[in-house]
């Protein structure tokens, strides 16, 4: 009689590994502001310095689809959405002055708000998706589409994660969140749609979708939810960056 061996763990990136990569990419965006601080005349900077700052900034955008996907994972695993909303609200309020200082050179600025507010707007989308799940397809499409358009406008008007004066990271967060939330059970459609949209958004967000493609399958028993300590690392590192920035 041959001994039975347990099935080996499935290969791929775990949620912790995905978050580590996303955190490093986010930190790269913060580093770009140290290389090219806000308020400085970019024409006086060398090409190498300015190029490095732009590359690091663009690289940070690849973290957005990862964070959006993890948020959908947390919600689908049954974590109380009110608890998630309260946590994101606290995170947004705590990180906002640091974000303003790092990106605008002032402790209070309205020109750009922390991208965390984009995830709060995504929670509104989640509430609408859940409340309309028993509605007819047409009614649900109209309701979700209307609320989605409203959150997009809100993100633009609030300057949520506005970069280079024209691109709203909050809009990117909402787009990726809606794709993953609505196409969660259709892996191929979700990744192809998110990847295509990411490629249209200056390419880098599409690379974040590539990371998700190489994750562990969701039926792997070792796939654990992330700890909240990941969230609070953001304002800590952002605060340190704000304090050492020129």
C-alpha atoms as a PDB file:
ATOM      1  CA  UNK A   1       0.000   0.000   0.000  1.00  0.00           C
ATOM      2  CA  UNK A   2       1.426   3.338  -0.962  1.00  0.00           C
ATOM      3  CA  UNK A   3       1.291   6.258   1.449  1.00  0.00           C
ATOM      4  CA  UNK A   4      -0.903   9.143   0.502  1.00  0.00           C
ATOM      5  CA  UNK A   5       0.766  12.510   0.360  1.00  0.00           C
ATOM      6  CA  UNK A   6      -1.104  15.780   0.745  1.00  0.00           C
ATOM      7  CA  UNK A   7      -1.456  17.856  -2.349  1.00  0.00           C
ATOM      8  CA  UNK A   8       1.478  20.253  -2.694  1.00  0.00           C
ATOM      9  CA  UNK A   9       0.681  23.965  -2.361  1.00  0.00           C
ATOM     10  CA  UNK A  10      -0.232  25.615  -5.605  1.00  0.00           C
ATOM     11  CA  UNK A  11       2.435  27.796  -7.169  1.00  0.00           C
ATOM     12  CA  UNK A  12       2.107  31.521  -7.686  1.00  0.00           C
ATOM     13  CA  UNK A  13       2.307  34.828  -5.898  1.00  0.00           C
ATOM     14  CA  UNK A  14       0.581  34.922  -2.511  1.00  0.00           C
ATOM     15  CA  UNK A  15      -1.422  37.912  -1.304  1.00  0.00           C
ATOM     16  CA  UNK A  16       1.463  38.901   0.973  1.00  0.00           C
ATOM     17  CA  UNK A  17       3.907  38.810  -1.922  1.00  0.00           C
ATOM     18  CA  UNK A  18       1.551  40.854  -4.086  1.00  0.00           C
ATOM     19  CA  UNK A  19       1.232  43.444  -1.335  1.00  0.00           C
ATOM     20  CA  UNK A  20       4.990  43.605  -0.817  1.00  0.00           C
ATOM     21  CA  UNK A  21       5.473  44.308  -4.521  1.00  0.00           C
ATOM     22  CA  UNK A  22       2.659  46.880  -4.506  1.00  0.00           C
ATOM     23  CA  UNK A  23       4.126  48.543  -1.404  1.00  0.00           C
ATOM     24  CA  UNK A  24       7.551  48.806  -3.050  1.00  0.00           C
ATOM     25  CA  UNK A  25       5.956  50.320  -6.152  1.00  0.00           C
ATOM     26  CA  UNK A  26       4.048  52.815  -3.979  1.00  0.00           C
ATOM     27  CA  UNK A  27       7.266  53.741  -2.186  1.00  0.00           C
ATOM     28  CA  UNK A  28       8.861  54.323  -5.592  1.00  0.00           C
ATOM     29  CA  UNK A  29       6.247  56.989  -6.264  1.00  0.00           C
ATOM     30  CA  UNK A  30       7.144  58.681  -2.977  1.00  0.00           C
ATOM     31  CA  UNK A  31      10.839  58.512  -3.870  1.00  0.00           C
ATOM     32  CA  UNK A  32      10.132  60.294  -7.145  1.00  0.00           C
ATOM     33  CA  UNK A  33       9.006  63.368  -5.189  1.00  0.00           C
ATOM     34  CA  UNK A  34      12.328  63.412  -3.344  1.00  0.00           C
ATOM     35  CA  UNK A  35      14.205  63.355  -6.639  1.00  0.00           C
ATOM     36  CA  UNK A  36      12.002  66.054  -8.181  1.00  0.00           C
ATOM     37  CA  UNK A  37      10.365  67.959  -5.279  1.00  0.00           C
ATOM     38  CA  UNK A  38       7.132  69.875  -5.962  1.00  0.00           C
ATOM     39  CA  UNK A  39       7.518  73.551  -6.672  1.00  0.00           C
ATOM     40  CA  UNK A  40      10.934  73.263  -8.285  1.00  0.00           C
ATOM     41  CA  UNK A  41      11.599  74.407 -11.822  1.00  0.00           C
ATOM     42  CA  UNK A  42      11.924  71.149 -13.750  1.00  0.00           C
ATOM     43  CA  UNK A  43      13.792  72.932 -16.543  1.00  0.00           C
ATOM     44  CA  UNK A  44      16.725  73.384 -14.192  1.00  0.00           C
ATOM     45  CA  UNK A  45      16.980  69.646 -13.461  1.00  0.00           C
ATOM     46  CA  UNK A  46      19.230  67.330 -15.409  1.00  0.00           C
ATOM     47  CA  UNK A  47      17.638  64.915 -17.846  1.00  0.00           C
ATOM     48  CA  UNK A  48      18.768  61.879 -15.865  1.00  0.00           C
ATOM     49  CA  UNK A  49      17.232  63.180 -12.639  1.00  0.00           C
ATOM     50  CA  UNK A  50      13.949  64.132 -14.255  1.00  0.00           C
ATOM     51  CA  UNK A  51      13.747  60.838 -16.166  1.00  0.00           C
ATOM     52  CA  UNK A  52      14.333  58.852 -12.967  1.00  0.00           C
ATOM     53  CA  UNK A  53      11.563  60.766 -11.198  1.00  0.00           C
ATOM     54  CA  UNK A  54       9.073  60.141 -14.015  1.00  0.00           C
ATOM     55  CA  UNK A  55       9.935  56.422 -14.229  1.00  0.00           C
ATOM     56  CA  UNK A  56       9.475  55.949 -10.480  1.00  0.00           C
ATOM     57  CA  UNK A  57       6.167  57.835 -10.574  1.00  0.00           C
ATOM     58  CA  UNK A  58       4.848  55.746 -13.462  1.00  0.00           C
ATOM     59  CA  UNK A  59       6.023  52.529 -11.798  1.00  0.00           C
ATOM     60  CA  UNK A  60       3.945  53.341  -8.722  1.00  0.00           C
ATOM     61  CA  UNK A  61       0.775  53.224 -10.821  1.00  0.00           C
ATOM     62  CA  UNK A  62       1.233  49.476 -11.301  1.00  0.00           C
ATOM     63  CA  UNK A  63       0.241  49.049  -7.638  1.00  0.00           C
ATOM     64  CA  UNK A  64      -3.297  50.367  -8.224  1.00  0.00           C
ATOM     65  CA  UNK A  65      -4.871  47.240  -9.798  1.00  0.00           C
ATOM     66  CA  UNK A  66      -3.230  45.090  -7.119  1.00  0.00           C
ATOM     67  CA  UNK A  67      -4.744  47.141  -4.288  1.00  0.00           C
ATOM     68  CA  UNK A  68      -8.128  47.258  -6.040  1.00  0.00           C
ATOM     69  CA  UNK A  69      -8.102  43.474  -6.487  1.00  0.00           C
ATOM     70  CA  UNK A  70      -7.138  42.866  -2.844  1.00  0.00           C
ATOM     71  CA  UNK A  71      -9.984  45.128  -1.701  1.00  0.00           C
ATOM     72  CA  UNK A  72     -12.469  43.052  -3.716  1.00  0.00           C
ATOM     73  CA  UNK A  73     -10.941  39.866  -2.279  1.00  0.00           C
ATOM     74  CA  UNK A  74     -11.382  41.146   1.280  1.00  0.00           C
ATOM     75  CA  UNK A  75     -15.006  42.114   0.659  1.00  0.00           C
ATOM     76  CA  UNK A  76     -15.878  38.843  -1.063  1.00  0.00           C
ATOM     77  CA  UNK A  77     -14.384  36.901   1.841  1.00  0.00           C
ATOM     78  CA  UNK A  78     -17.066  38.395   4.070  1.00  0.00           C
ATOM     79  CA  UNK A  79     -15.218  41.123   5.951  1.00  0.00           C
ATOM     80  CA  UNK A  80     -17.752  43.653   7.240  1.00  0.00           C
ATOM     81  CA  UNK A  81     -17.938  46.465   4.636  1.00  0.00           C
ATOM     82  CA  UNK A  82     -18.668  49.045   7.357  1.00  0.00           C
ATOM     83  CA  UNK A  83     -15.456  48.034   9.086  1.00  0.00           C
ATOM     84  CA  UNK A  84     -13.558  48.320   5.797  1.00  0.00           C
ATOM     85  CA  UNK A  85     -15.099  51.742   5.130  1.00  0.00           C
ATOM     86  CA  UNK A  86     -14.239  53.034   8.602  1.00  0.00           C
ATOM     87  CA  UNK A  87     -10.667  51.795   8.254  1.00  0.00           C
ATOM     88  CA  UNK A  88     -10.246  53.422   4.838  1.00  0.00           C
ATOM     89  CA  UNK A  89     -11.742  56.682   6.143  1.00  0.00           C
ATOM     90  CA  UNK A  90      -9.275  56.769   9.028  1.00  0.00           C
ATOM     91  CA  UNK A  91      -6.440  55.949   6.653  1.00  0.00           C
ATOM     92  CA  UNK A  92      -7.462  58.706   4.233  1.00  0.00           C
ATOM     93  CA  UNK A  93      -7.740  61.347   6.965  1.00  0.00           C
ATOM     94  CA  UNK A  94      -4.437  60.359   8.561  1.00  0.00           C
ATOM     95  CA  UNK A  95      -2.483  60.259   5.313  1.00  0.00           C
ATOM     96  CA  UNK A  96      -3.931  63.408   3.708  1.00  0.00           C
ATOM     97  CA  UNK A  97      -1.654  66.081   5.269  1.00  0.00           C
ATOM     98  CA  UNK A  98       1.424  63.958   4.560  1.00  0.00           C
ATOM     99  CA  UNK A  99       0.277  63.403   0.970  1.00  0.00           C
ATOM    100  CA  UNK A 100      -0.258  67.139   0.495  1.00  0.00           C
ATOM    101  CA  UNK A 101       3.194  67.948   1.861  1.00  0.00           C
ATOM    102  CA  UNK A 102       4.930  65.320  -0.282  1.00  0.00           C
ATOM    103  CA  UNK A 103       3.127  66.157  -3.526  1.00  0.00           C
ATOM    104  CA  UNK A 104       2.319  69.865  -3.187  1.00  0.00           C
ATOM    105  CA  UNK A 105       4.916  71.084  -0.709  1.00  0.00           C
ATOM    106  CA  UNK A 106       2.202  72.207   1.747  1.00  0.00           C
ATOM    107  CA  UNK A 107       0.481  70.495   4.661  1.00  0.00           C
ATOM    108  CA  UNK A 108      -2.925  71.441   3.265  1.00  0.00           C
ATOM    109  CA  UNK A 109      -3.603  71.579  -0.464  1.00  0.00           C
ATOM    110  CA  UNK A 110      -6.642  71.041  -2.667  1.00  0.00           C
ATOM    111  CA  UNK A 111      -4.790  70.465  -5.935  1.00  0.00           C
ATOM    112  CA  UNK A 112      -4.449  66.727  -5.271  1.00  0.00           C
ATOM    113  CA  UNK A 113      -5.961  64.449  -2.648  1.00  0.00           C
ATOM    114  CA  UNK A 114      -4.715  61.085  -1.427  1.00  0.00           C
ATOM    115  CA  UNK A 115      -5.645  58.126  -3.665  1.00  0.00           C
ATOM    116  CA  UNK A 116      -7.069  56.437  -0.557  1.00  0.00           C
ATOM    117  CA  UNK A 117     -10.223  58.504  -1.121  1.00  0.00           C
ATOM    118  CA  UNK A 118     -10.623  56.580  -4.366  1.00  0.00           C
ATOM    119  CA  UNK A 119     -10.948  53.341  -2.422  1.00  0.00           C
ATOM    120  CA  UNK A 120     -13.587  54.969  -0.230  1.00  0.00           C
ATOM    121  CA  UNK A 121     -15.549  55.851  -3.361  1.00  0.00           C
ATOM    122  CA  UNK A 122     -15.118  52.219  -4.428  1.00  0.00           C
ATOM    123  CA  UNK A 123     -16.918  51.170  -1.241  1.00  0.00           C
ATOM    124  CA  UNK A 124     -19.948  53.140  -2.461  1.00  0.00           C
ATOM    125  CA  UNK A 125     -19.802  51.144  -5.679  1.00  0.00           C
ATOM    126  CA  UNK A 126     -19.644  47.936  -3.664  1.00  0.00           C
ATOM    127  CA  UNK A 127     -22.747  48.927  -1.680  1.00  0.00           C
ATOM    128  CA  UNK A 128     -24.667  49.576  -4.911  1.00  0.00           C
ATOM    129  CA  UNK A 129     -23.490  46.306  -6.452  1.00  0.00           C
ATOM    130  CA  UNK A 130     -24.679  44.379  -3.402  1.00  0.00           C
ATOM    131  CA  UNK A 131     -28.003  46.185  -3.067  1.00  0.00           C
ATOM    132  CA  UNK A 132     -28.915  45.627  -6.745  1.00  0.00           C
ATOM    133  CA  UNK A 133     -27.817  41.994  -7.072  1.00  0.00           C
ATOM    134  CA  UNK A 134     -31.462  40.818  -7.131  1.00  0.00           C
ATOM    135  CA  UNK A 135     -32.627  43.512  -9.563  1.00  0.00           C
ATOM    136  CA  UNK A 136     -33.187  42.917 -13.242  1.00  0.00           C
ATOM    137  CA  UNK A 137     -30.118  43.105 -15.468  1.00  0.00           C
ATOM    138  CA  UNK A 138     -31.254  46.343 -17.080  1.00  0.00           C
ATOM    139  CA  UNK A 139     -32.145  48.034 -13.788  1.00  0.00           C
ATOM    140  CA  UNK A 140     -28.860  46.973 -12.260  1.00  0.00           C
ATOM    141  CA  UNK A 141     -26.832  48.176 -15.239  1.00  0.00           C
ATOM    142  CA  UNK A 142     -28.519  51.589 -15.162  1.00  0.00           C
ATOM    143  CA  UNK A 143     -28.132  51.994 -11.389  1.00  0.00           C
ATOM    144  CA  UNK A 144     -24.532  50.828 -11.218  1.00  0.00           C
ATOM    145  CA  UNK A 145     -23.617  52.817 -14.334  1.00  0.00           C
ATOM    146  CA  UNK A 146     -25.127  55.998 -12.896  1.00  0.00           C
ATOM    147  CA  UNK A 147     -23.368  55.628  -9.562  1.00  0.00           C
ATOM    148  CA  UNK A 148     -20.093  54.712 -11.280  1.00  0.00           C
ATOM    149  CA  UNK A 149     -20.289  57.861 -13.413  1.00  0.00           C
ATOM    150  CA  UNK A 150     -21.049  59.905 -10.288  1.00  0.00           C
ATOM    151  CA  UNK A 151     -18.008  58.504  -8.455  1.00  0.00           C
ATOM    152  CA  UNK A 152     -15.799  59.202 -11.490  1.00  0.00           C
ATOM    153  CA  UNK A 153     -16.970  62.831 -11.561  1.00  0.00           C
ATOM    154  CA  UNK A 154     -16.488  63.076  -7.802  1.00  0.00           C
ATOM    155  CA  UNK A 155     -12.945  61.710  -8.058  1.00  0.00           C
ATOM    156  CA  UNK A 156     -12.106  64.242 -10.774  1.00  0.00           C
ATOM    157  CA  UNK A 157     -13.667  67.205  -8.953  1.00  0.00           C
ATOM    158  CA  UNK A 158     -11.973  66.239  -5.678  1.00  0.00           C
ATOM    159  CA  UNK A 159      -8.629  65.820  -7.477  1.00  0.00           C
ATOM    160  CA  UNK A 160      -8.241  62.335  -6.022  1.00  0.00           C
ATOM    161  CA  UNK A 161      -4.670  61.312  -6.772  1.00  0.00           C
ATOM    162  CA  UNK A 162      -4.293  63.880  -9.556  1.00  0.00           C
ATOM    163  CA  UNK A 163      -0.929  63.447 -11.265  1.00  0.00           C
ATOM    164  CA  UNK A 164       0.744  65.658 -13.876  1.00  0.00           C
ATOM    165  CA  UNK A 165      -2.258  67.957 -13.617  1.00  0.00           C
ATOM    166  CA  UNK A 166      -4.581  65.810 -15.733  1.00  0.00           C
ATOM    167  CA  UNK A 167      -4.631  62.142 -14.659  1.00  0.00           C
ATOM    168  CA  UNK A 168      -6.707  61.061 -11.655  1.00  0.00           C
ATOM    169  CA  UNK A 169      -5.466  57.931  -9.913  1.00  0.00           C
ATOM    170  CA  UNK A 170      -8.847  57.844  -8.190  1.00  0.00           C
ATOM    171  CA  UNK A 171     -10.484  57.213 -11.571  1.00  0.00           C
ATOM    172  CA  UNK A 172      -8.073  54.348 -12.254  1.00  0.00           C
ATOM    173  CA  UNK A 173      -8.882  52.809  -8.866  1.00  0.00           C
ATOM    174  CA  UNK A 174     -12.625  52.977  -9.546  1.00  0.00           C
ATOM    175  CA  UNK A 175     -12.255  51.448 -13.010  1.00  0.00           C
ATOM    176  CA  UNK A 176     -10.156  48.514 -11.781  1.00  0.00           C
ATOM    177  CA  UNK A 177     -12.399  47.957  -8.770  1.00  0.00           C
ATOM    178  CA  UNK A 178     -15.540  47.799 -10.901  1.00  0.00           C
ATOM    179  CA  UNK A 179     -13.904  45.378 -13.350  1.00  0.00           C
ATOM    180  CA  UNK A 180     -12.748  42.995 -10.626  1.00  0.00           C
ATOM    181  CA  UNK A 181     -15.985  43.267  -8.614  1.00  0.00           C
ATOM    182  CA  UNK A 182     -18.254  42.513 -11.582  1.00  0.00           C
ATOM    183  CA  UNK A 183     -16.089  39.948 -13.382  1.00  0.00           C
ATOM    184  CA  UNK A 184     -14.674  38.142 -10.337  1.00  0.00           C
ATOM    185  CA  UNK A 185     -16.045  34.738 -11.319  1.00  0.00           C
ATOM    186  CA  UNK A 186     -14.779  35.072 -14.901  1.00  0.00           C
ATOM    187  CA  UNK A 187     -10.998  35.095 -14.543  1.00  0.00           C
ATOM    188  CA  UNK A 188     -10.108  35.477 -18.205  1.00  0.00           C
ATOM    189  CA  UNK A 189     -12.567  38.282 -18.859  1.00  0.00           C
ATOM    190  CA  UNK A 190     -11.495  40.145 -15.713  1.00  0.00           C
ATOM    191  CA  UNK A 191      -7.772  40.004 -16.481  1.00  0.00           C
ATOM    192  CA  UNK A 192      -8.153  40.746 -20.192  1.00  0.00           C
ATOM    193  CA  UNK A 193     -10.434  43.711 -19.507  1.00  0.00           C
ATOM    194  CA  UNK A 194      -8.273  45.087 -16.689  1.00  0.00           C
ATOM    195  CA  UNK A 195      -5.095  44.491 -18.671  1.00  0.00           C
ATOM    196  CA  UNK A 196      -6.464  46.224 -21.749  1.00  0.00           C
ATOM    197  CA  UNK A 197      -7.648  49.211 -19.740  1.00  0.00           C
ATOM    198  CA  UNK A 198      -4.336  49.354 -17.898  1.00  0.00           C
ATOM    199  CA  UNK A 199      -2.414  49.355 -21.174  1.00  0.00           C
ATOM    200  CA  UNK A 200      -4.509  52.294 -22.349  1.00  0.00           C
ATOM    201  CA  UNK A 201      -3.672  54.187 -19.147  1.00  0.00           C
ATOM    202  CA  UNK A 202      -0.011  54.868 -19.988  1.00  0.00           C
ATOM    203  CA  UNK A 203       0.805  51.122 -19.819  1.00  0.00           C
ATOM    204  CA  UNK A 204       2.099  50.866 -16.225  1.00  0.00           C
ATOM    205  CA  UNK A 205      -1.244  49.909 -14.572  1.00  0.00           C
ATOM    206  CA  UNK A 206      -1.418  47.063 -17.084  1.00  0.00           C
ATOM    207  CA  UNK A 207       1.809  45.667 -15.643  1.00  0.00           C
ATOM    208  CA  UNK A 208       0.087  45.480 -12.270  1.00  0.00           C
ATOM    209  CA  UNK A 209      -2.572  43.286 -13.850  1.00  0.00           C
ATOM    210  CA  UNK A 210       0.213  41.019 -15.112  1.00  0.00           C
ATOM    211  CA  UNK A 211       1.268  40.514 -11.474  1.00  0.00           C
ATOM    212  CA  UNK A 212      -2.270  39.414 -10.631  1.00  0.00           C
ATOM    213  CA  UNK A 213      -2.209  36.938 -13.505  1.00  0.00           C
ATOM    214  CA  UNK A 214       0.674  35.104 -11.816  1.00  0.00           C
ATOM    215  CA  UNK A 215      -0.970  34.854  -8.406  1.00  0.00           C
ATOM    216  CA  UNK A 216      -1.972  31.656  -6.665  1.00  0.00           C
ATOM    217  CA  UNK A 217      -5.377  30.251  -7.630  1.00  0.00           C
ATOM    218  CA  UNK A 218      -8.076  31.389  -5.222  1.00  0.00           C
ATOM    219  CA  UNK A 219      -8.934  27.826  -4.214  1.00  0.00           C
ATOM    220  CA  UNK A 220      -5.527  27.387  -2.569  1.00  0.00           C
ATOM    221  CA  UNK A 221      -6.114  26.732   1.137  1.00  0.00           C
ATOM    222  CA  UNK A 222      -3.049  28.812   2.084  1.00  0.00           C
ATOM    223  CA  UNK A 223      -4.549  31.975   0.550  1.00  0.00           C
ATOM    224  CA  UNK A 224      -5.015  34.132   3.682  1.00  0.00           C
ATOM    225  CA  UNK A 225      -6.427  37.619   3.928  1.00  0.00           C
ATOM    226  CA  UNK A 226      -3.935  40.449   4.468  1.00  0.00           C
ATOM    227  CA  UNK A 227      -3.441  41.962   7.919  1.00  0.00           C
ATOM    228  CA  UNK A 228      -4.439  45.559   8.619  1.00  0.00           C
ATOM    229  CA  UNK A 229      -0.823  46.402   9.455  1.00  0.00           C
ATOM    230  CA  UNK A 230      -0.273  46.674   5.709  1.00  0.00           C
ATOM    231  CA  UNK A 231      -2.613  49.636   5.571  1.00  0.00           C
ATOM    232  CA  UNK A 232      -1.005  51.636   8.364  1.00  0.00           C
ATOM    233  CA  UNK A 233       2.420  51.305   6.793  1.00  0.00           C
ATOM    234  CA  UNK A 234       1.240  53.743   4.107  1.00  0.00           C
ATOM    235  CA  UNK A 235       0.802  56.866   6.278  1.00  0.00           C
ATOM    236  CA  UNK A 236       3.943  55.977   8.255  1.00  0.00           C
ATOM    237  CA  UNK A 237       6.176  55.837   5.183  1.00  0.00           C
ATOM    238  CA  UNK A 238       4.351  58.812   3.685  1.00  0.00           C
ATOM    239  CA  UNK A 239       4.921  60.780   6.887  1.00  0.00           C
ATOM    240  CA  UNK A 240       8.624  59.959   6.887  1.00  0.00           C
ATOM    241  CA  UNK A 241       8.851  61.062   3.250  1.00  0.00           C
ATOM    242  CA  UNK A 242       7.055  64.319   4.117  1.00  0.00           C
ATOM    243  CA  UNK A 243       9.464  65.042   6.965  1.00  0.00           C
ATOM    244  CA  UNK A 244      12.642  64.431   4.916  1.00  0.00           C
ATOM    245  CA  UNK A 245      11.418  66.063   1.709  1.00  0.00           C
ATOM    246  CA  UNK A 246      13.111  69.387   0.797  1.00  0.00           C
END
